[in-house]
Amino acid sequence: LVVAFYRNLLATALLLPPALLLRREELRSLNRRDTSAL
């Protein structure tokens, strides 16, 4: 569980800055249907 957690957490941390920089509006516009699917 620890291996899986840090693998995904570190990947999220690496991808979050470019996502906020390039796709901030898309993140804000997520509707309930897409959020549920995610």
Full PDB file with SEQRES, HELIX, SHEET, SSBOND, CRYST1, ORIGX, SCALE, CONECT and MASTER records, all heavy atoms in Angstrom:
SEQRES   1 A   38  LEU VAL VAL ALA PHE TYR ARG ASN LEU LEU ALA THR ALA          
SEQRES   2 A   38  LEU LEU LEU PRO PRO ALA LEU LEU LEU ARG ARG GLU GLU          
SEQRES   3 A   38  LEU ARG SER LEU ASN ARG ARG ASP THR SER ALA LEU              
HELIX    1 AA1 VAL A    2  LEU A   22  1                                  21    
HELIX    2 AA2 ARG A   24  ARG A   28  1                                   5    
HELIX    3 AA3 ARG A   32  ALA A   37  1                                   6    
CRYST1    1.000    1.000    1.000  90.00  90.00  90.00 P 1           1          
ORIGX1      1.000000  0.000000  0.000000        0.00000                         
ORIGX2      0.000000  1.000000  0.000000        0.00000                         
ORIGX3      0.000000  0.000000  1.000000        0.00000                         
SCALE1      1.000000  0.000000  0.000000        0.00000                         
SCALE2      0.000000  1.000000  0.000000        0.00000                         
SCALE3      0.000000  0.000000  1.000000        0.00000                         
ATOM      1  N   LEU A   1       0.824  -1.208   0.000  1.00  0.00           N  
ATOM      2  CA  LEU A   1       0.000   0.000   0.000  1.00  0.00           C  
ATOM      3  C   LEU A   1       0.858   1.258   0.000  1.00  0.00           C  
ATOM      4  O   LEU A   1       0.521   2.256  -0.658  1.00  0.00           O  
ATOM      5  CB  LEU A   1      -0.931   0.007   1.211  1.00  0.00           C  
ATOM      6  CG  LEU A   1      -2.127  -0.944   1.183  1.00  0.00           C  
ATOM      7  CD1 LEU A   1      -2.879  -0.902   2.504  1.00  0.00           C  
ATOM      8  CD2 LEU A   1      -3.070  -0.598   0.026  1.00  0.00           C  
ATOM      9  N   VAL A   2       1.965   1.224   0.708  1.00  0.00           N  
ATOM     10  CA  VAL A   2       2.869   2.380   0.767  1.00  0.00           C  
ATOM     11  C   VAL A   2       3.526   2.597  -0.595  1.00  0.00           C  
ATOM     12  O   VAL A   2       3.642   3.734  -1.067  1.00  0.00           O  
ATOM     13  CB  VAL A   2       3.930   2.167   1.861  1.00  0.00           C  
ATOM     14  CG1 VAL A   2       5.011   3.243   1.794  1.00  0.00           C  
ATOM     15  CG2 VAL A   2       3.270   2.176   3.234  1.00  0.00           C  
ATOM     16  N   VAL A   3       3.969   1.524  -1.231  1.00  0.00           N  
ATOM     17  CA  VAL A   3       4.578   1.630  -2.557  1.00  0.00           C  
ATOM     18  C   VAL A   3       3.587   2.253  -3.540  1.00  0.00           C  
ATOM     19  O   VAL A   3       3.923   3.186  -4.287  1.00  0.00           O  
ATOM     20  CB  VAL A   3       5.030   0.256  -3.070  1.00  0.00           C  
ATOM     21  CG1 VAL A   3       5.553   0.364  -4.493  1.00  0.00           C  
ATOM     22  CG2 VAL A   3       6.106  -0.326  -2.160  1.00  0.00           C  
ATOM     23  N   ALA A   4       2.361   1.751  -3.542  1.00  0.00           N  
ATOM     24  CA  ALA A   4       1.344   2.268  -4.456  1.00  0.00           C  
ATOM     25  C   ALA A   4       1.019   3.725  -4.146  1.00  0.00           C  
ATOM     26  O   ALA A   4       0.854   4.554  -5.064  1.00  0.00           O  
ATOM     27  CB  ALA A   4       0.077   1.419  -4.353  1.00  0.00           C  
ATOM     28  N   PHE A   5       0.928   4.067  -2.861  1.00  0.00           N  
ATOM     29  CA  PHE A   5       0.586   5.435  -2.459  1.00  0.00           C  
ATOM     30  C   PHE A   5       1.639   6.430  -2.934  1.00  0.00           C  
ATOM     31  O   PHE A   5       1.310   7.437  -3.581  1.00  0.00           O  
ATOM     32  CB  PHE A   5       0.441   5.513  -0.939  1.00  0.00           C  
ATOM     33  CG  PHE A   5       0.322   6.911  -0.407  1.00  0.00           C  
ATOM     34  CD1 PHE A   5      -0.803   7.683  -0.702  1.00  0.00           C  
ATOM     35  CD2 PHE A   5       1.331   7.454   0.374  1.00  0.00           C  
ATOM     36  CE1 PHE A   5      -0.911   8.984  -0.208  1.00  0.00           C  
ATOM     37  CE2 PHE A   5       1.232   8.747   0.856  1.00  0.00           C  
ATOM     38  CZ  PHE A   5       0.111   9.520   0.563  1.00  0.00           C  
ATOM     39  N   TYR A   6       2.896   6.180  -2.632  1.00  0.00           N  
ATOM     40  CA  TYR A   6       3.936   7.146  -3.005  1.00  0.00           C  
ATOM     41  C   TYR A   6       4.155   7.180  -4.516  1.00  0.00           C  
ATOM     42  O   TYR A   6       4.493   8.229  -5.069  1.00  0.00           O  
ATOM     43  CB  TYR A   6       5.234   6.837  -2.266  1.00  0.00           C  
ATOM     44  CG  TYR A   6       5.198   7.294  -0.824  1.00  0.00           C  
ATOM     45  CD1 TYR A   6       5.302   6.378   0.224  1.00  0.00           C  
ATOM     46  CD2 TYR A   6       5.026   8.637  -0.508  1.00  0.00           C  
ATOM     47  CE1 TYR A   6       5.244   6.791   1.546  1.00  0.00           C  
ATOM     48  CE2 TYR A   6       4.974   9.065   0.814  1.00  0.00           C  
ATOM     49  CZ  TYR A   6       5.075   8.138   1.827  1.00  0.00           C  
ATOM     50  OH  TYR A   6       5.011   8.559   3.139  1.00  0.00           O  
ATOM     51  N   ARG A   7       3.957   6.061  -5.182  1.00  0.00           N  
ATOM     52  CA  ARG A   7       4.060   6.062  -6.653  1.00  0.00           C  
ATOM     53  C   ARG A   7       3.060   7.037  -7.254  1.00  0.00           C  
ATOM     54  O   ARG A   7       3.402   7.846  -8.121  1.00  0.00           O  
ATOM     55  CB  ARG A   7       3.812   4.646  -7.174  1.00  0.00           C  
ATOM     56  CG  ARG A   7       3.613   4.563  -8.679  1.00  0.00           C  
ATOM     57  CD  ARG A   7       3.411   3.134  -9.142  1.00  0.00           C  
ATOM     58  NE  ARG A   7       3.080   3.073 -10.558  1.00  0.00           N  
ATOM     59  CZ  ARG A   7       3.089   1.970 -11.283  1.00  0.00           C  
ATOM     60  NH1 ARG A   7       3.426   0.827 -10.729  1.00  0.00           N  
ATOM     61  NH2 ARG A   7       2.769   1.999 -12.567  1.00  0.00           N  
ATOM     62  N   ASN A   8       1.823   6.998  -6.786  1.00  0.00           N  
ATOM     63  CA  ASN A   8       0.787   7.879  -7.332  1.00  0.00           C  
ATOM     64  C   ASN A   8       0.882   9.301  -6.788  1.00  0.00           C  
ATOM     65  O   ASN A   8       0.642  10.265  -7.514  1.00  0.00           O  
ATOM     66  CB  ASN A   8      -0.593   7.292  -7.031  1.00  0.00           C  
ATOM     67  CG  ASN A   8      -0.943   6.157  -7.962  1.00  0.00           C  
ATOM     68  OD1 ASN A   8      -1.496   6.352  -9.036  1.00  0.00           O  
ATOM     69  ND2 ASN A   8      -0.602   4.940  -7.561  1.00  0.00           N  
ATOM     70  N   LEU A   9       1.238   9.438  -5.509  1.00  0.00           N  
ATOM     71  CA  LEU A   9       1.350  10.772  -4.926  1.00  0.00           C  
ATOM     72  C   LEU A   9       2.458  11.577  -5.600  1.00  0.00           C  
ATOM     73  O   LEU A   9       2.262  12.755  -5.939  1.00  0.00           O  
ATOM     74  CB  LEU A   9       1.632  10.657  -3.424  1.00  0.00           C  
ATOM     75  CG  LEU A   9       1.753  11.994  -2.675  1.00  0.00           C  
ATOM     76  CD1 LEU A   9       0.411  12.716  -2.661  1.00  0.00           C  
ATOM     77  CD2 LEU A   9       2.257  11.765  -1.251  1.00  0.00           C  
ATOM     78  N   LEU A  10       3.611  10.970  -5.792  1.00  0.00           N  
ATOM     79  CA  LEU A  10       4.721  11.679  -6.424  1.00  0.00           C  
ATOM     80  C   LEU A  10       4.412  12.001  -7.886  1.00  0.00           C  
ATOM     81  O   LEU A  10       4.775  13.066  -8.387  1.00  0.00           O  
ATOM     82  CB  LEU A  10       5.997  10.848  -6.319  1.00  0.00           C  
ATOM     83  CG  LEU A  10       6.556  10.667  -4.896  1.00  0.00           C  
ATOM     84  CD1 LEU A  10       7.740   9.718  -4.897  1.00  0.00           C  
ATOM     85  CD2 LEU A  10       6.964  12.019  -4.312  1.00  0.00           C  
ATOM     86  N   ALA A  11       3.722  11.084  -8.567  1.00  0.00           N  
ATOM     87  CA  ALA A  11       3.324  11.357  -9.961  1.00  0.00           C  
ATOM     88  C   ALA A  11       2.341  12.529 -10.014  1.00  0.00           C  
ATOM     89  O   ALA A  11       2.436  13.399 -10.887  1.00  0.00           O  
ATOM     90  CB  ALA A  11       2.698  10.112 -10.577  1.00  0.00           C  
ATOM     91  N   THR A  12       1.410  12.573  -9.051  1.00  0.00           N  
ATOM     92  CA  THR A  12       0.466  13.688  -8.984  1.00  0.00           C  
ATOM     93  C   THR A  12       1.197  14.994  -8.740  1.00  0.00           C  
ATOM     94  O   THR A  12       0.907  16.030  -9.371  1.00  0.00           O  
ATOM     95  CB  THR A  12      -0.561  13.466  -7.851  1.00  0.00           C  
ATOM     96  OG1 THR A  12      -1.230  12.228  -8.076  1.00  0.00           O  
ATOM     97  CG2 THR A  12      -1.592  14.589  -7.809  1.00  0.00           C  
ATOM     98  N   ALA A  13       2.159  14.972  -7.820  1.00  0.00           N  
ATOM     99  CA  ALA A  13       2.924  16.185  -7.502  1.00  0.00           C  
ATOM    100  C   ALA A  13       3.710  16.692  -8.709  1.00  0.00           C  
ATOM    101  O   ALA A  13       3.851  17.905  -8.907  1.00  0.00           O  
ATOM    102  CB  ALA A  13       3.866  15.906  -6.334  1.00  0.00           C  
ATOM    103  N   LEU A  14       4.212  15.781  -9.533  1.00  0.00           N  
ATOM    104  CA  LEU A  14       4.976  16.191 -10.714  1.00  0.00           C  
ATOM    105  C   LEU A  14       4.084  16.749 -11.816  1.00  0.00           C  
ATOM    106  O   LEU A  14       4.495  17.651 -12.562  1.00  0.00           O  
ATOM    107  CB  LEU A  14       5.771  14.996 -11.244  1.00  0.00           C  
ATOM    108  CG  LEU A  14       6.945  14.517 -10.377  1.00  0.00           C  
ATOM    109  CD1 LEU A  14       7.497  13.205 -10.913  1.00  0.00           C  
ATOM    110  CD2 LEU A  14       8.031  15.576 -10.333  1.00  0.00           C  
ATOM    111  N   LEU A  15       2.859  16.224 -11.924  1.00  0.00           N  
ATOM    112  CA  LEU A  15       1.965  16.653 -13.000  1.00  0.00           C  
ATOM    113  C   LEU A  15       1.080  17.833 -12.618  1.00  0.00           C  
ATOM    114  O   LEU A  15       0.545  18.523 -13.499  1.00  0.00           O  
ATOM    115  CB  LEU A  15       1.076  15.479 -13.431  1.00  0.00           C  
ATOM    116  CG  LEU A  15       1.788  14.299 -14.096  1.00  0.00           C  
ATOM    117  CD1 LEU A  15       0.797  13.171 -14.356  1.00  0.00           C  
ATOM    118  CD2 LEU A  15       2.449  14.737 -15.396  1.00  0.00           C  
ATOM    119  N   LEU A  16       0.905  18.089 -11.325  1.00  0.00           N  
ATOM    120  CA  LEU A  16      -0.004  19.151 -10.891  1.00  0.00           C  
ATOM    121  C   LEU A  16       0.434  20.553 -11.334  1.00  0.00           C  
ATOM    122  O   LEU A  16      -0.412  21.322 -11.828  1.00  0.00           O  
ATOM    123  CB  LEU A  16      -0.171  19.103  -9.372  1.00  0.00           C  
ATOM    124  CG  LEU A  16      -1.199  20.082  -8.779  1.00  0.00           C  
ATOM    125  CD1 LEU A  16      -2.564  19.855  -9.393  1.00  0.00           C  
ATOM    126  CD2 LEU A  16      -1.253  19.943  -7.261  1.00  0.00           C  
ATOM    127  N   PRO A  17       1.714  20.944 -11.192  1.00  0.00           N  
ATOM    128  CA  PRO A  17       2.101  22.296 -11.634  1.00  0.00           C  
ATOM    129  C   PRO A  17       1.791  22.582 -13.102  1.00  0.00           C  
ATOM    130  O   PRO A  17       1.175  23.613 -13.408  1.00  0.00           O  
ATOM    131  CB  PRO A  17       3.603  22.343 -11.329  1.00  0.00           C  
ATOM    132  CG  PRO A  17       3.779  21.386 -10.198  1.00  0.00           C  
ATOM    133  CD  PRO A  17       2.822  20.263 -10.490  1.00  0.00           C  
ATOM    134  N   PRO A  18       2.174  21.700 -14.046  1.00  0.00           N  
ATOM    135  CA  PRO A  18       1.809  21.989 -15.438  1.00  0.00           C  
ATOM    136  C   PRO A  18       0.300  21.977 -15.672  1.00  0.00           C  
ATOM    137  O   PRO A  18      -0.208  22.715 -16.515  1.00  0.00           O  
ATOM    138  CB  PRO A  18       2.509  20.882 -16.241  1.00  0.00           C  
ATOM    139  CG  PRO A  18       2.844  19.819 -15.269  1.00  0.00           C  
ATOM    140  CD  PRO A  18       3.060  20.508 -13.965  1.00  0.00           C  
ATOM    141  N   ALA A  19      -0.431  21.134 -14.918  1.00  0.00           N  
ATOM    142  CA  ALA A  19      -1.891  21.109 -15.068  1.00  0.00           C  
ATOM    143  C   ALA A  19      -2.500  22.435 -14.622  1.00  0.00           C  
ATOM    144  O   ALA A  19      -3.393  22.976 -15.279  1.00  0.00           O  
ATOM    145  CB  ALA A  19      -2.486  19.958 -14.262  1.00  0.00           C  
ATOM    146  N   LEU A  20      -2.020  22.972 -13.500  1.00  0.00           N  
ATOM    147  CA  LEU A  20      -2.525  24.263 -13.022  1.00  0.00           C  
ATOM    148  C   LEU A  20      -2.124  25.397 -13.951  1.00  0.00           C  
ATOM    149  O   LEU A  20      -2.873  26.366 -14.136  1.00  0.00           O  
ATOM    150  CB  LEU A  20      -2.001  24.535 -11.613  1.00  0.00           C  
ATOM    151  CG  LEU A  20      -2.549  23.629 -10.505  1.00  0.00           C  
ATOM    152  CD1 LEU A  20      -1.842  23.925  -9.185  1.00  0.00           C  
ATOM    153  CD2 LEU A  20      -4.055  23.824 -10.358  1.00  0.00           C  
ATOM    154  N   LEU A  21      -0.958  25.288 -14.547  1.00  0.00           N  
ATOM    155  CA  LEU A  21      -0.464  26.338 -15.440  1.00  0.00           C  
ATOM    156  C   LEU A  21      -1.169  26.323 -16.787  1.00  0.00           C  
ATOM    157  O   LEU A  21      -1.534  27.374 -17.323  1.00  0.00           O  
ATOM    158  CB  LEU A  21       1.051  26.168 -15.644  1.00  0.00           C  
ATOM    159  CG  LEU A  21       1.741  27.201 -16.559  1.00  0.00           C  
ATOM    160  CD1 LEU A  21       1.665  28.594 -15.942  1.00  0.00           C  
ATOM    161  CD2 LEU A  21       3.192  26.798 -16.809  1.00  0.00           C  
ATOM    162  N   LEU A  22      -1.400  25.118 -17.320  1.00  0.00           N  
ATOM    163  CA  LEU A  22      -1.924  25.008 -18.685  1.00  0.00           C  
ATOM    164  C   LEU A  22      -3.413  24.685 -18.750  1.00  0.00           C  
ATOM    165  O   LEU A  22      -4.061  24.987 -19.758  1.00  0.00           O  
ATOM    166  CB  LEU A  22      -1.145  23.919 -19.442  1.00  0.00           C  
ATOM    167  CG  LEU A  22       0.368  24.113 -19.542  1.00  0.00           C  
ATOM    168  CD1 LEU A  22       1.021  22.888 -20.173  1.00  0.00           C  
ATOM    169  CD2 LEU A  22       0.694  25.365 -20.358  1.00  0.00           C  
ATOM    170  N   ARG A  23      -3.963  24.043 -17.726  1.00  0.00           N  
ATOM    171  CA  ARG A  23      -5.343  23.563 -17.792  1.00  0.00           C  
ATOM    172  C   ARG A  23      -6.183  24.009 -16.595  1.00  0.00           C  
ATOM    173  O   ARG A  23      -7.122  23.323 -16.216  1.00  0.00           O  
ATOM    174  CB  ARG A  23      -5.353  22.029 -17.866  1.00  0.00           C  
ATOM    175  CG  ARG A  23      -4.642  21.472 -19.086  1.00  0.00           C  
ATOM    176  CD  ARG A  23      -5.425  21.770 -20.360  1.00  0.00           C  
ATOM    177  NE  ARG A  23      -4.764  21.233 -21.536  1.00  0.00           N  
ATOM    178  CZ  ARG A  23      -5.244  21.336 -22.770  1.00  0.00           C  
ATOM    179  NH1 ARG A  23      -6.409  21.958 -22.968  1.00  0.00           N  
ATOM    180  NH2 ARG A  23      -4.590  20.834 -23.790  1.00  0.00           N  
ATOM    181  N   ARG A  24      -5.864  25.170 -16.031  1.00  0.00           N  
ATOM    182  CA  ARG A  24      -6.582  25.639 -14.845  1.00  0.00           C  
ATOM    183  C   ARG A  24      -8.081  25.794 -15.113  1.00  0.00           C  
ATOM    184  O   ARG A  24      -8.930  25.380 -14.318  1.00  0.00           O  
ATOM    185  CB  ARG A  24      -6.004  26.969 -14.370  1.00  0.00           C  
ATOM    186  CG  ARG A  24      -6.616  27.476 -13.061  1.00  0.00           C  
ATOM    187  CD  ARG A  24      -6.075  28.856 -12.719  1.00  0.00           C  
ATOM    188  NE  ARG A  24      -4.642  28.821 -12.534  1.00  0.00           N  
ATOM    189  CZ  ARG A  24      -4.047  28.616 -11.356  1.00  0.00           C  
ATOM    190  NH1 ARG A  24      -4.797  28.432 -10.277  1.00  0.00           N  
ATOM    191  NH2 ARG A  24      -2.745  28.602 -11.253  1.00  0.00           N  
ATOM    192  N   GLU A  25      -8.434  26.392 -16.255  1.00  0.00           N  
ATOM    193  CA  GLU A  25      -9.849  26.614 -16.568  1.00  0.00           C  
ATOM    194  C   GLU A  25     -10.592  25.302 -16.781  1.00  0.00           C  
ATOM    195  O   GLU A  25     -11.756  25.170 -16.394  1.00  0.00           O  
ATOM    196  CB  GLU A  25      -9.982  27.507 -17.812  1.00  0.00           C  
ATOM    197  CG  GLU A  25      -9.548  28.942 -17.585  1.00  0.00           C  
ATOM    198  CD  GLU A  25     -10.314  29.586 -16.432  1.00  0.00           C  
ATOM    199  OE1 GLU A  25     -11.547  29.391 -16.355  1.00  0.00           O  
ATOM    200  OE2 GLU A  25      -9.681  30.249 -15.603  1.00  0.00           O  
ATOM    201  N   GLU A  26      -9.920  24.337 -17.391  1.00  0.00           N  
ATOM    202  CA  GLU A  26     -10.561  23.037 -17.599  1.00  0.00           C  
ATOM    203  C   GLU A  26     -10.811  22.346 -16.265  1.00  0.00           C  
ATOM    204  O   GLU A  26     -11.852  21.720 -16.065  1.00  0.00           O  
ATOM    205  CB  GLU A  26      -9.695  22.153 -18.494  1.00  0.00           C  
ATOM    206  CG  GLU A  26     -10.353  20.820 -18.841  1.00  0.00           C  
ATOM    207  CD  GLU A  26      -9.496  19.945 -19.732  1.00  0.00           C  
ATOM    208  OE1 GLU A  26      -8.468  20.432 -20.236  1.00  0.00           O  
ATOM    209  OE2 GLU A  26      -9.859  18.764 -19.910  1.00  0.00           O  
ATOM    210  N   LEU A  27      -9.863  22.467 -15.333  1.00  0.00           N  
ATOM    211  CA  LEU A  27     -10.060  21.887 -14.003  1.00  0.00           C  
ATOM    212  C   LEU A  27     -11.248  22.531 -13.300  1.00  0.00           C  
ATOM    213  O   LEU A  27     -12.040  21.857 -12.643  1.00  0.00           O  
ATOM    214  CB  LEU A  27      -8.790  22.069 -13.166  1.00  0.00           C  
ATOM    215  CG  LEU A  27      -7.620  21.127 -13.476  1.00  0.00           C  
ATOM    216  CD1 LEU A  27      -6.342  21.616 -12.808  1.00  0.00           C  
ATOM    217  CD2 LEU A  27      -7.936  19.710 -13.031  1.00  0.00           C  
ATOM    218  N   ARG A  28     -11.384  23.839 -13.445  1.00  0.00           N  
ATOM    219  CA  ARG A  28     -12.484  24.554 -12.804  1.00  0.00           C  
ATOM    220  C   ARG A  28     -13.828  24.203 -13.433  1.00  0.00           C  
ATOM    221  O   ARG A  28     -14.873  24.246 -12.762  1.00  0.00           O  
ATOM    222  CB  ARG A  28     -12.260  26.065 -12.915  1.00  0.00           C  
ATOM    223  CG  ARG A  28     -11.154  26.606 -12.019  1.00  0.00           C  
ATOM    224  CD  ARG A  28     -10.965  28.090 -12.265  1.00  0.00           C  
ATOM    225  NE  ARG A  28      -9.978  28.682 -11.359  1.00  0.00           N  
ATOM    226  CZ  ARG A  28      -9.533  29.919 -11.454  1.00  0.00           C  
ATOM    227  NH1 ARG A  28      -9.982  30.718 -12.423  1.00  0.00           N  
ATOM    228  NH2 ARG A  28      -8.635  30.379 -10.583  1.00  0.00           N  
ATOM    229  N   SER A  29     -13.811  23.853 -14.699  1.00  0.00           N  
ATOM    230  CA  SER A  29     -15.068  23.626 -15.425  1.00  0.00           C  
ATOM    231  C   SER A  29     -15.555  22.186 -15.362  1.00  0.00           C  
ATOM    232  O   SER A  29     -16.546  21.849 -16.023  1.00  0.00           O  
ATOM    233  CB  SER A  29     -14.893  24.031 -16.893  1.00  0.00           C  
ATOM    234  OG  SER A  29     -13.974  23.174 -17.558  1.00  0.00           O  
ATOM    235  N   LEU A  30     -14.898  21.340 -14.610  1.00  0.00           N  
ATOM    236  CA  LEU A  30     -15.326  19.942 -14.521  1.00  0.00           C  
ATOM    237  C   LEU A  30     -16.756  19.862 -13.983  1.00  0.00           C  
ATOM    238  O   LEU A  30     -17.066  20.412 -12.925  1.00  0.00           O  
ATOM    239  CB  LEU A  30     -14.392  19.155 -13.592  1.00  0.00           C  
ATOM    240  CG  LEU A  30     -13.023  18.758 -14.160  1.00  0.00           C  
ATOM    241  CD1 LEU A  30     -12.170  18.110 -13.076  1.00  0.00           C  
ATOM    242  CD2 LEU A  30     -13.170  17.814 -15.341  1.00  0.00           C  
ATOM    243  N   ASN A  31     -17.619  19.175 -14.724  1.00  0.00           N  
ATOM    244  CA  ASN A  31     -19.004  19.033 -14.272  1.00  0.00           C  
ATOM    245  C   ASN A  31     -19.151  17.788 -13.400  1.00  0.00           C  
ATOM    246  O   ASN A  31     -18.214  17.008 -13.229  1.00  0.00           O  
ATOM    247  CB  ASN A  31     -19.964  18.968 -15.475  1.00  0.00           C  
ATOM    248  CG  ASN A  31     -19.570  17.879 -16.463  1.00  0.00           C  
ATOM    249  OD1 ASN A  31     -19.188  16.786 -16.075  1.00  0.00           O  
ATOM    250  ND2 ASN A  31     -19.664  18.185 -17.755  1.00  0.00           N  
ATOM    251  N   ARG A  32     -20.349  17.623 -12.858  1.00  0.00           N  
ATOM    252  CA  ARG A  32     -20.573  16.515 -11.924  1.00  0.00           C  
ATOM    253  C   ARG A  32     -20.388  15.171 -12.605  1.00  0.00           C  
ATOM    254  O   ARG A  32     -19.830  14.236 -12.014  1.00  0.00           O  
ATOM    255  CB  ARG A  32     -21.984  16.618 -11.344  1.00  0.00           C  
ATOM    256  CG  ARG A  32     -22.300  15.532 -10.322  1.00  0.00           C  
ATOM    257  CD  ARG A  32     -23.673  15.719  -9.730  1.00  0.00           C  
ATOM    258  NE  ARG A  32     -23.783  16.981  -9.006  1.00  0.00           N  
ATOM    259  CZ  ARG A  32     -24.892  17.408  -8.426  1.00  0.00           C  
ATOM    260  NH1 ARG A  32     -25.997  16.666  -8.479  1.00  0.00           N  
ATOM    261  NH2 ARG A  32     -24.915  18.562  -7.791  1.00  0.00           N  
ATOM    262  N   ARG A  33     -20.841  15.061 -13.844  1.00  0.00           N  
ATOM    263  CA  ARG A  33     -20.740  13.787 -14.559  1.00  0.00           C  
ATOM    264  C   ARG A  33     -19.285  13.384 -14.760  1.00  0.00           C  
ATOM    265  O   ARG A  33     -18.894  12.240 -14.465  1.00  0.00           O  
ATOM    266  CB  ARG A  33     -21.434  13.929 -15.921  1.00  0.00           C  
ATOM    267  CG  ARG A  33     -21.307  12.695 -16.811  1.00  0.00           C  
ATOM    268  CD  ARG A  33     -21.797  13.027 -18.204  1.00  0.00           C  
ATOM    269  NE  ARG A  33     -21.593  11.934 -19.136  1.00  0.00           N  
ATOM    270  CZ  ARG A  33     -21.656  12.058 -20.452  1.00  0.00           C  
ATOM    271  NH1 ARG A  33     -21.947  13.238 -20.989  1.00  0.00           N  
ATOM    272  NH2 ARG A  33     -21.449  11.027 -21.230  1.00  0.00           N  
ATOM    273  N   ASP A  34     -18.462  14.311 -15.250  1.00  0.00           N  
ATOM    274  CA  ASP A  34     -17.060  14.000 -15.494  1.00  0.00           C  
ATOM    275  C   ASP A  34     -16.301  13.783 -14.186  1.00  0.00           C  
ATOM    276  O   ASP A  34     -15.436  12.905 -14.098  1.00  0.00           O  
ATOM    277  CB  ASP A  34     -16.398  15.124 -16.296  1.00  0.00           C  
ATOM    278  CG  ASP A  34     -16.829  15.111 -17.751  1.00  0.00           C  
ATOM    279  OD1 ASP A  34     -17.559  14.191 -18.147  1.00  0.00           O  
ATOM    280  OD2 ASP A  34     -16.444  16.031 -18.494  1.00  0.00           O  
ATOM    281  N   THR A  35     -16.624  14.568 -13.165  1.00  0.00           N  
ATOM    282  CA  THR A  35     -15.967  14.391 -11.873  1.00  0.00           C  
ATOM    283  C   THR A  35     -16.259  13.013 -11.294  1.00  0.00           C  
ATOM    284  O   THR A  35     -15.362  12.335 -10.770  1.00  0.00           O  
ATOM    285  CB  THR A  35     -16.422  15.474 -10.881  1.00  0.00           C  
ATOM    286  OG1 THR A  35     -16.104  16.765 -11.416  1.00  0.00           O  
ATOM    287  CG2 THR A  35     -15.734  15.307  -9.541  1.00  0.00           C  
ATOM    288  N   SER A  36     -17.508  12.577 -11.406  1.00  0.00           N  
ATOM    289  CA  SER A  36     -17.881  11.246 -10.910  1.00  0.00           C  
ATOM    290  C   SER A  36     -17.117  10.155 -11.649  1.00  0.00           C  
ATOM    291  O   SER A  36     -16.630   9.195 -11.038  1.00  0.00           O  
ATOM    292  CB  SER A  36     -19.383  11.029 -11.058  1.00  0.00           C  
ATOM    293  OG  SER A  36     -20.114  11.972 -10.302  1.00  0.00           O  
ATOM    294  N   ALA A  37     -17.002  10.312 -12.972  1.00  0.00           N  
ATOM    295  CA  ALA A  37     -16.276   9.318 -13.765  1.00  0.00           C  
ATOM    296  C   ALA A  37     -14.797   9.290 -13.392  1.00  0.00           C  
ATOM    297  O   ALA A  37     -14.176   8.219 -13.316  1.00  0.00           O  
ATOM    298  CB  ALA A  37     -16.445   9.614 -15.253  1.00  0.00           C  
ATOM    299  N   LEU A  38     -14.219  10.461 -13.135  1.00  0.00           N  
ATOM    300  CA  LEU A  38     -12.815  10.530 -12.731  1.00  0.00           C  
ATOM    301  C   LEU A  38     -12.601   9.860 -11.371  1.00  0.00           C  
ATOM    302  O   LEU A  38     -11.606   9.168 -11.156  1.00  0.00           O  
ATOM    303  CB  LEU A  38     -12.359  11.988 -12.671  1.00  0.00           C  
ATOM    304  CG  LEU A  38     -12.133  12.681 -14.026  1.00  0.00           C  
ATOM    305  CD1 LEU A  38     -12.030  14.192 -13.839  1.00  0.00           C  
ATOM    306  CD2 LEU A  38     -10.879  12.141 -14.696  1.00  0.00           C  
TER     307      LEU A  38                                                      
MASTER        0    0    0    3    0    0    0    6  306    1    0    3          
END                                                                             
